[in-house]
C-alpha atoms as a PDB file:
ATOM      1  CA  ALA A   1      77.681 -60.595 146.652  1.00  0.00           C
ATOM      2  CA  LYS A   2      77.247 -63.601 144.400  1.00  0.00           C
ATOM      3  CA  PRO A   3      80.355 -65.686 143.847  1.00  0.00           C
ATOM      4  CA  ARG A   4      81.781 -65.573 140.343  1.00  0.00           C
ATOM      5  CA  VAL A   5      83.071 -68.632 138.587  1.00  0.00           C
ATOM      6  CA  GLU A   6      86.587 -67.786 137.532  1.00  0.00           C
ATOM      7  CA  SER A   7      86.852 -69.592 134.231  1.00  0.00           C
ATOM      8  CA  LEU A   8      90.623 -69.182 134.127  1.00  0.00           C
ATOM      9  CA  VAL A   9      91.023 -71.332 137.257  1.00  0.00           C
ATOM     10  CA  ILE A  10      89.026 -74.278 135.864  1.00  0.00           C
ATOM     11  CA  THR A  11      91.075 -76.052 133.206  1.00  0.00           C
ATOM     12  CA  ASP A  12      88.510 -78.750 132.306  1.00  0.00           C
ATOM     13  CA  ASP A  13      86.587 -77.336 129.309  1.00  0.00           C
ATOM     14  CA  GLU A  14      83.387 -79.328 129.963  1.00  0.00           C
ATOM     15  CA  LEU A  15      83.293 -78.449 133.633  1.00  0.00           C
ATOM     16  CA  ARG A  16      83.994 -74.773 132.900  1.00  0.00           C
ATOM     17  CA  GLU A  17      81.187 -74.705 130.307  1.00  0.00           C
ATOM     18  CA  PHE A  18      78.769 -76.363 132.758  1.00  0.00           C
ATOM     19  CA  LEU A  19      79.585 -74.027 135.640  1.00  0.00           C
ATOM     20  CA  THR A  20      79.321 -70.880 133.516  1.00  0.00           C
ATOM     21  CA  ARG A  21      75.793 -71.661 132.308  1.00  0.00           C
ATOM     22  CA  PRO A  22      73.604 -68.872 133.740  1.00  0.00           C
ATOM     23  CA  GLU A  23      71.172 -71.296 135.401  1.00  0.00           C
ATOM     24  CA  ILE A  24      74.097 -72.994 137.177  1.00  0.00           C
ATOM     25  CA  ALA A  25      76.328 -69.977 137.873  1.00  0.00           C
ATOM     26  CA  ASP A  26      73.407 -67.965 139.305  1.00  0.00           C
ATOM     27  CA  ALA A  27      72.476 -70.835 141.640  1.00  0.00           C
ATOM     28  CA  LEU A  28      75.970 -71.282 143.109  1.00  0.00           C
ATOM     29  CA  GLN A  29      76.258 -70.183 146.730  1.00  0.00           C
ATOM     30  CA  PRO A  30      79.245 -70.348 149.056  1.00  0.00           C
ATOM     31  CA  VAL A  31      79.057 -73.123 151.636  1.00  0.00           C
ATOM     32  CA  PHE A  32      81.439 -71.359 154.017  1.00  0.00           C
ATOM     33  CA  SER A  33      83.944 -68.552 154.047  1.00  0.00           C
ATOM     34  CA  SER A  34      87.353 -68.251 155.598  1.00  0.00           C
ATOM     35  CA  GLU A  35      88.550 -64.723 156.138  1.00  0.00           C
ATOM     36  CA  PHE A  36      91.933 -64.220 157.696  1.00  0.00           C
ATOM     37  CA  GLU A  37      95.044 -62.137 157.628  1.00  0.00           C
ATOM     38  CA  ARG A  38      98.305 -63.936 157.041  1.00  0.00           C
ATOM     39  CA  THR A  39     101.603 -62.734 158.384  1.00  0.00           C
ATOM     40  CA  ALA A  40     104.663 -64.459 156.940  1.00  0.00           C
ATOM     41  CA  VAL A  41     107.764 -64.630 159.106  1.00  0.00           C
ATOM     42  CA  PRO A  42     111.014 -66.205 157.884  1.00  0.00           C
ATOM     43  CA  VAL A  43     112.921 -67.883 160.718  1.00  0.00           C
ATOM     44  CA  LYS A  44     116.545 -68.989 160.680  1.00  0.00           C
ATOM     45  CA  LEU A  45     117.146 -71.645 163.311  1.00  0.00           C
ATOM     46  CA  PHE A  46     120.765 -72.730 163.388  1.00  0.00           C
ATOM     47  CA  ASP A  47     121.344 -74.505 160.053  1.00  0.00           C
ATOM     48  CA  SER A  48     117.742 -74.360 158.860  1.00  0.00           C
ATOM     49  CA  GLU A  49     115.354 -71.876 157.296  1.00  0.00           C
ATOM     50  CA  ILE A  50     111.663 -72.130 158.184  1.00  0.00           C
ATOM     51  CA  ASP A  51     108.745 -70.081 156.877  1.00  0.00           C
ATOM     52  CA  VAL A  52     106.172 -69.387 159.583  1.00  0.00           C
ATOM     53  CA  ALA A  53     102.723 -68.297 158.355  1.00  0.00           C
ATOM     54  CA  LEU A  54     100.482 -66.847 161.058  1.00  0.00           C
ATOM     55  CA  ASP A  55      96.779 -66.806 160.161  1.00  0.00           C
ATOM     56  CA  HIS A  56      94.257 -64.841 162.232  1.00  0.00           C
ATOM     57  CA  GLY A  57      90.575 -64.516 161.385  1.00  0.00           C
ATOM     58  CA  GLU A  58      87.462 -66.641 161.273  1.00  0.00           C
ATOM     59  CA  ILE A  59      85.580 -69.295 159.360  1.00  0.00           C
ATOM     60  CA  GLY A  60      81.891 -68.581 158.822  1.00  0.00           C
ATOM     61  CA  ALA A  61      78.899 -70.596 157.620  1.00  0.00           C
ATOM     62  CA  GLY A  62      75.141 -70.397 158.098  1.00  0.00           C
ATOM     63  CA  GLY A  63      75.314 -67.453 160.482  1.00  0.00           C
ATOM     64  CA  ARG A  64      77.832 -69.282 162.679  1.00  0.00           C
ATOM     65  CA  SER A  65      81.519 -68.542 162.988  1.00  0.00           C
ATOM     66  CA  ALA A  66      84.589 -70.113 164.486  1.00  0.00           C
ATOM     67  CA  PRO A  67      87.870 -68.386 165.290  1.00  0.00           C
ATOM     68  CA  LEU A  68      90.892 -69.126 163.153  1.00  0.00           C
ATOM     69  CA  ASN A  69      94.317 -68.775 164.760  1.00  0.00           C
ATOM     70  CA  GLU A  70      97.002 -70.889 163.145  1.00  0.00           C
ATOM     71  CA  ALA A  71     100.718 -71.049 162.681  1.00  0.00           C
ATOM     72  CA  GLU A  72     101.942 -73.101 159.729  1.00  0.00           C
ATOM     73  CA  LEU A  73     105.593 -74.112 159.696  1.00  0.00           C
ATOM     74  CA  GLU A  74     107.294 -74.956 156.412  1.00  0.00           C
ATOM     75  CA  LEU A  75     110.875 -76.148 156.226  1.00  0.00           C
ATOM     76  CA  LYS A  76     112.624 -74.357 153.366  1.00  0.00           C
ATOM     77  CA  THR A  77     116.136 -75.675 153.905  1.00  0.00           C
ATOM     78  CA  GLY A  78     117.849 -77.679 156.589  1.00  0.00           C
ATOM     79  CA  ARG A  79     116.896 -80.410 159.026  1.00  0.00           C
ATOM     80  CA  ARG A  80     113.326 -81.582 159.792  1.00  0.00           C
ATOM     81  CA  GLU A  81     114.174 -81.733 163.476  1.00  0.00           C
ATOM     82  CA  ARG A  82     114.314 -77.929 163.504  1.00  0.00           C
ATOM     83  CA  LEU A  83     110.553 -77.808 162.787  1.00  0.00           C
ATOM     84  CA  TYR A  84     109.917 -79.691 166.027  1.00  0.00           C
ATOM     85  CA  GLU A  85     112.376 -77.547 167.951  1.00  0.00           C
ATOM     86  CA  LEU A  86     110.621 -74.396 166.733  1.00  0.00           C
ATOM     87  CA  ALA A  87     107.181 -75.856 167.519  1.00  0.00           C
ATOM     88  CA  ILE A  88     108.325 -76.720 171.055  1.00  0.00           C
ATOM     89  CA  ALA A  89     109.734 -73.200 171.520  1.00  0.00           C
ATOM     90  CA  LEU A  90     106.455 -71.682 170.264  1.00  0.00           C
ATOM     91  CA  ASN A  91     104.493 -73.906 172.649  1.00  0.00           C
ATOM     92  CA  GLU A  92     106.603 -72.719 175.589  1.00  0.00           C
ATOM     93  CA  ALA A  93     105.766 -69.098 174.717  1.00  0.00           C
ATOM     94  CA  ILE A  94     102.119 -69.618 173.714  1.00  0.00           C
ATOM     95  CA  PRO A  95     100.367 -72.955 174.294  1.00  0.00           C
ATOM     96  CA  VAL A  96      99.570 -74.524 170.918  1.00  0.00           C
ATOM     97  CA  SER A  97      98.179 -77.790 169.612  1.00  0.00           C
ATOM     98  CA  LEU A  98      98.344 -79.590 166.291  1.00  0.00           C
ATOM     99  CA  GLU A  99      95.259 -79.040 164.140  1.00  0.00           C
ATOM    100  CA  ALA A 100      93.934 -82.236 162.632  1.00  0.00           C
ATOM    101  CA  GLU A 101      91.528 -80.582 160.183  1.00  0.00           C
ATOM    102  CA  THR A 102      92.077 -78.305 157.222  1.00  0.00           C
ATOM    103  CA  LYS A 103      90.352 -74.929 157.064  1.00  0.00           C
ATOM    104  CA  ALA A 104      87.995 -76.399 154.458  1.00  0.00           C
ATOM    105  CA  ALA A 105      87.065 -79.393 156.633  1.00  0.00           C
ATOM    106  CA  ARG A 106      86.287 -77.046 159.523  1.00  0.00           C
ATOM    107  CA  GLY A 107      84.209 -74.876 157.176  1.00  0.00           C
ATOM    108  CA  TYR A 108      82.132 -77.817 155.928  1.00  0.00           C
ATOM    109  CA  ARG A 109      81.648 -79.023 159.510  1.00  0.00           C
ATOM    110  CA  LEU A 110      80.528 -75.551 160.576  1.00  0.00           C
ATOM    111  CA  ALA A 111      78.115 -75.395 157.619  1.00  0.00           C
ATOM    112  CA  ALA A 112      76.626 -78.723 158.708  1.00  0.00           C
ATOM    113  CA  ASP A 113      76.405 -77.385 162.297  1.00  0.00           C
ATOM    114  CA  GLU A 114      78.420 -80.345 163.558  1.00  0.00           C
ATOM    115  CA  GLY A 115      81.035 -80.463 166.255  1.00  0.00           C
ATOM    116  CA  PRO A 116      84.304 -82.289 165.833  1.00  0.00           C
ATOM    117  CA  GLY A 117      83.805 -86.034 165.600  1.00  0.00           C
ATOM    118  CA  SER A 118      85.615 -88.980 167.064  1.00  0.00           C
ATOM    119  CA  PHE A 119      87.918 -91.201 165.033  1.00  0.00           C
ATOM    120  CA  ARG A 120      88.805 -94.852 165.362  1.00  0.00           C
ATOM    121  CA  ALA A 121      92.283 -96.043 164.488  1.00  0.00           C
ATOM    122  CA  GLY A 122      92.911 -96.936 160.891  1.00  0.00           C
ATOM    123  CA  PRO A 123      94.675-100.106 159.833  1.00  0.00           C
ATOM    124  CA  VAL A 124      98.417-100.281 160.412  1.00  0.00           C
ATOM    125  CA  ASN A 125     100.283-101.728 157.452  1.00  0.00           C
ATOM    126  CA  LEU A 126     102.924-104.096 158.731  1.00  0.00           C
ATOM    127  CA  ALA A 127     105.037-106.376 156.571  1.00  0.00           C
ATOM    128  CA  ALA A 128     106.586-109.708 157.532  1.00  0.00           C
ATOM    129  CA  ASP A 129     110.056-108.396 156.673  1.00  0.00           C
ATOM    130  CA  MET A 130     109.805-105.251 158.825  1.00  0.00           C
ATOM    131  CA  THR A 131     112.230-104.818 161.664  1.00  0.00           C
ATOM    132  CA  ALA A 132     110.775-104.533 165.165  1.00  0.00           C
ATOM    133  CA  ARG A 133     111.872-100.887 165.137  1.00  0.00           C
ATOM    134  CA  ALA A 134     110.000-100.133 161.892  1.00  0.00           C
ATOM    135  CA  ALA A 135     106.885-102.004 163.083  1.00  0.00           C
ATOM    136  CA  PHE A 136     106.916-100.131 166.398  1.00  0.00           C
ATOM    137  CA  ALA A 137     107.298 -96.818 164.552  1.00  0.00           C
ATOM    138  CA  ALA A 138     104.308 -97.603 162.302  1.00  0.00           C
ATOM    139  CA  ILE A 139     102.130 -98.591 165.273  1.00  0.00           C
ATOM    140  CA  ALA A 140     103.223 -95.561 167.313  1.00  0.00           C
ATOM    141  CA  LYS A 141     102.566 -93.215 164.384  1.00  0.00           C
ATOM    142  CA  SER A 142      99.056 -94.635 164.002  1.00  0.00           C
ATOM    143  CA  ALA A 143      98.358 -94.307 167.738  1.00  0.00           C
ATOM    144  CA  LEU A 144      99.619 -90.712 167.819  1.00  0.00           C
ATOM    145  CA  GLU A 145      97.446 -89.853 164.819  1.00  0.00           C
ATOM    146  CA  GLN A 146      94.401 -91.365 166.558  1.00  0.00           C
ATOM    147  CA  LEU A 147      95.217 -89.388 169.709  1.00  0.00           C
ATOM    148  CA  ARG A 148      95.581 -86.137 167.740  1.00  0.00           C
ATOM    149  CA  LEU A 149      92.437 -86.656 165.636  1.00  0.00           C
ATOM    150  CA  ASN A 150      90.325 -87.057 168.775  1.00  0.00           C
ATOM    151  CA  GLU A 151      91.719 -84.063 170.646  1.00  0.00           C
ATOM    152  CA  ALA A 152      89.110 -81.507 169.520  1.00  0.00           C
ATOM    153  CA  CYS A 153      86.199 -83.852 170.255  1.00  0.00           C
ATOM    154  CA  ALA A 154      87.604 -84.708 173.690  1.00  0.00           C
ATOM    155  CA  LEU A 155      88.256 -81.061 174.602  1.00  0.00           C
ATOM    156  CA  ILE A 156      84.691 -80.007 173.850  1.00  0.00           C
ATOM    157  CA  GLY A 157      83.439 -82.818 176.058  1.00  0.00           C
ATOM    158  CA  GLU A 158      80.020 -83.252 174.418  1.00  0.00           C
ATOM    159  CA  ASP A 159      80.762 -86.685 172.938  1.00  0.00           C
ATOM    160  CA  ILE A 160      82.374 -89.180 175.306  1.00  0.00           C
ATOM    161  CA  GLU A 161      83.617 -91.189 172.305  1.00  0.00           C
ATOM    162  CA  GLY A 162      86.403 -88.637 171.700  1.00  0.00           C
ATOM    163  CA  VAL A 163      87.779 -89.245 175.196  1.00  0.00           C
ATOM    164  CA  HIS A 164      87.334 -93.000 174.779  1.00  0.00           C
ATOM    165  CA  GLN A 165      89.243 -93.021 171.474  1.00  0.00           C
ATOM    166  CA  GLN A 166      92.055 -91.001 173.038  1.00  0.00           C
ATOM    167  CA  ARG A 167      92.274 -93.560 175.834  1.00  0.00           C
ATOM    168  CA  VAL A 168      92.386 -96.358 173.232  1.00  0.00           C
ATOM    169  CA  ALA A 169      95.166 -94.514 171.381  1.00  0.00           C
ATOM    170  CA  ILE A 170      97.229 -94.150 174.557  1.00  0.00           C
ATOM    171  CA  ARG A 171      96.802 -97.836 175.385  1.00  0.00           C
ATOM    172  CA  ARG A 172      97.882 -98.811 171.876  1.00  0.00           C
END
């Protein structure tokens, strides 16, 4: 089925007019699809309330598909530390990892028939008046992000740069 441009979603009048022109609207094709079932589970953990959304399905593009199995944790009330405690408890029951890409990013990558790429560290913004503790935290956060962003590339093992960038992140 052809996608329909939902004019109520697009608030920019010029863009809505452009996209609803028959020659444009008829030429629009989906780049990828994400089809999944979501199960919402409210969790009370001590003094905190956390919404857990479990998504199960697949992302498809160009005749290819990739499984989609995610758990999103959202703190509704309480302490941020409880998110980590719940994530650790989930990991003990079912091994999990942090996903570095959005569903859309994975869909575009699948459409381009590309595997996960490697990522170099971004700049760390340090200020002359930062405490050593704050500077260390900024550097550690950057290194952990670099480590996490390269996980998918390293696990597939087709591009040695993912493993190399993880090693660089650990050394940092």
